[in-house]
């Protein structure tokens, strides 16, 4: 009886691991992360190509404090 319970537990454990691996969720997540990495790299390249913003620290008489 004990051997049958251990065998049933082992079969259930193997089946659950096979079912979880065949879902395809890992591949979908990997594709999503790769697409995100590409978009972030393009965004960084676009930001670096942009002209730098010059901030004028001087305040003249006409400017108002907020």
C-alpha atoms as a PDB file:
ATOM      1  CA  UNK A   1       0.000   0.000   0.000  1.00  0.00           C
ATOM      2  CA  UNK A   2       2.801   2.387   0.908  1.00  0.00           C
ATOM      3  CA  UNK A   3       4.557   1.639  -2.397  1.00  0.00           C
ATOM      4  CA  UNK A   4       1.379   2.427  -4.357  1.00  0.00           C
ATOM      5  CA  UNK A   5       0.997   5.789  -2.586  1.00  0.00           C
ATOM      6  CA  UNK A   6       4.623   6.714  -3.278  1.00  0.00           C
ATOM      7  CA  UNK A   7       4.214   5.690  -6.921  1.00  0.00           C
ATOM      8  CA  UNK A   8       1.013   7.717  -7.284  1.00  0.00           C
ATOM      9  CA  UNK A   9       2.703  10.736  -5.710  1.00  0.00           C
ATOM     10  CA  UNK A  10       5.684  10.429  -8.085  1.00  0.00           C
ATOM     11  CA  UNK A  11       3.411  10.136 -11.133  1.00  0.00           C
ATOM     12  CA  UNK A  12       1.369  13.145 -10.035  1.00  0.00           C
ATOM     13  CA  UNK A  13       4.551  15.167  -9.495  1.00  0.00           C
ATOM     14  CA  UNK A  14       5.916  14.273 -12.934  1.00  0.00           C
ATOM     15  CA  UNK A  15       2.619  15.028 -14.662  1.00  0.00           C
ATOM     16  CA  UNK A  16       2.292  18.414 -13.029  1.00  0.00           C
ATOM     17  CA  UNK A  17       5.797  19.433 -14.091  1.00  0.00           C
ATOM     18  CA  UNK A  18       5.114  18.364 -17.690  1.00  0.00           C
ATOM     19  CA  UNK A  19       1.815  20.236 -17.806  1.00  0.00           C
ATOM     20  CA  UNK A  20       3.335  23.429 -16.444  1.00  0.00           C
ATOM     21  CA  UNK A  21       6.251  23.328 -18.905  1.00  0.00           C
ATOM     22  CA  UNK A  22       4.021  22.853 -21.956  1.00  0.00           C
ATOM     23  CA  UNK A  23       1.910  25.944 -21.306  1.00  0.00           C
ATOM     24  CA  UNK A  24       4.058  28.314 -23.349  1.00  0.00           C
ATOM     25  CA  UNK A  25       3.897  31.071 -20.776  1.00  0.00           C
ATOM     26  CA  UNK A  26       7.670  31.138 -20.404  1.00  0.00           C
ATOM     27  CA  UNK A  27       8.171  31.667 -24.125  1.00  0.00           C
ATOM     28  CA  UNK A  28       5.573  34.425 -24.198  1.00  0.00           C
ATOM     29  CA  UNK A  29       7.189  36.144 -21.226  1.00  0.00           C
ATOM     30  CA  UNK A  30      10.641  35.863 -22.839  1.00  0.00           C
ATOM     31  CA  UNK A  31       9.337  37.420 -26.079  1.00  0.00           C
ATOM     32  CA  UNK A  32       7.656  40.207 -24.126  1.00  0.00           C
ATOM     33  CA  UNK A  33      10.867  40.989 -22.221  1.00  0.00           C
ATOM     34  CA  UNK A  34      12.943  40.943 -25.437  1.00  0.00           C
ATOM     35  CA  UNK A  35      10.515  43.381 -27.085  1.00  0.00           C
ATOM     36  CA  UNK A  36      10.665  45.589 -23.993  1.00  0.00           C
ATOM     37  CA  UNK A  37      14.474  45.600 -24.092  1.00  0.00           C
ATOM     38  CA  UNK A  38      14.451  46.601 -27.775  1.00  0.00           C
ATOM     39  CA  UNK A  39      12.016  49.446 -27.142  1.00  0.00           C
ATOM     40  CA  UNK A  40      14.034  50.712 -24.176  1.00  0.00           C
ATOM     41  CA  UNK A  41      17.248  50.672 -26.248  1.00  0.00           C
ATOM     42  CA  UNK A  42      15.537  52.631 -29.033  1.00  0.00           C
ATOM     43  CA  UNK A  43      14.184  55.106 -26.500  1.00  0.00           C
ATOM     44  CA  UNK A  44      17.636  55.665 -24.987  1.00  0.00           C
ATOM     45  CA  UNK A  45      19.149  56.188 -28.456  1.00  0.00           C
ATOM     46  CA  UNK A  46      16.403  58.669 -29.322  1.00  0.00           C
ATOM     47  CA  UNK A  47      16.914  60.600 -26.088  1.00  0.00           C
ATOM     48  CA  UNK A  48      20.673  60.786 -26.628  1.00  0.00           C
ATOM     49  CA  UNK A  49      20.214  62.086 -30.185  1.00  0.00           C
ATOM     50  CA  UNK A  50      18.055  64.950 -28.951  1.00  0.00           C
ATOM     51  CA  UNK A  51      19.693  68.354 -28.418  1.00  0.00           C
ATOM     52  CA  UNK A  52      20.437  69.117 -24.765  1.00  0.00           C
ATOM     53  CA  UNK A  53      18.141  71.548 -22.993  1.00  0.00           C
ATOM     54  CA  UNK A  54      19.888  74.690 -21.781  1.00  0.00           C
ATOM     55  CA  UNK A  55      18.618  76.085 -18.502  1.00  0.00           C
ATOM     56  CA  UNK A  56      19.276  79.731 -17.770  1.00  0.00           C
ATOM     57  CA  UNK A  57      19.866  80.195 -14.053  1.00  0.00           C
ATOM     58  CA  UNK A  58      19.728  84.001 -14.170  1.00  0.00           C
ATOM     59  CA  UNK A  59      16.502  85.716 -13.260  1.00  0.00           C
ATOM     60  CA  UNK A  60      15.737  89.075 -14.660  1.00  0.00           C
ATOM     61  CA  UNK A  61      13.327  91.666 -13.290  1.00  0.00           C
ATOM     62  CA  UNK A  62      10.470  90.612 -15.544  1.00  0.00           C
ATOM     63  CA  UNK A  63      10.402  86.969 -14.484  1.00  0.00           C
ATOM     64  CA  UNK A  64       8.074  86.093 -11.638  1.00  0.00           C
ATOM     65  CA  UNK A  65       8.623  83.545  -8.903  1.00  0.00           C
ATOM     66  CA  UNK A  66       6.013  80.827  -8.836  1.00  0.00           C
END
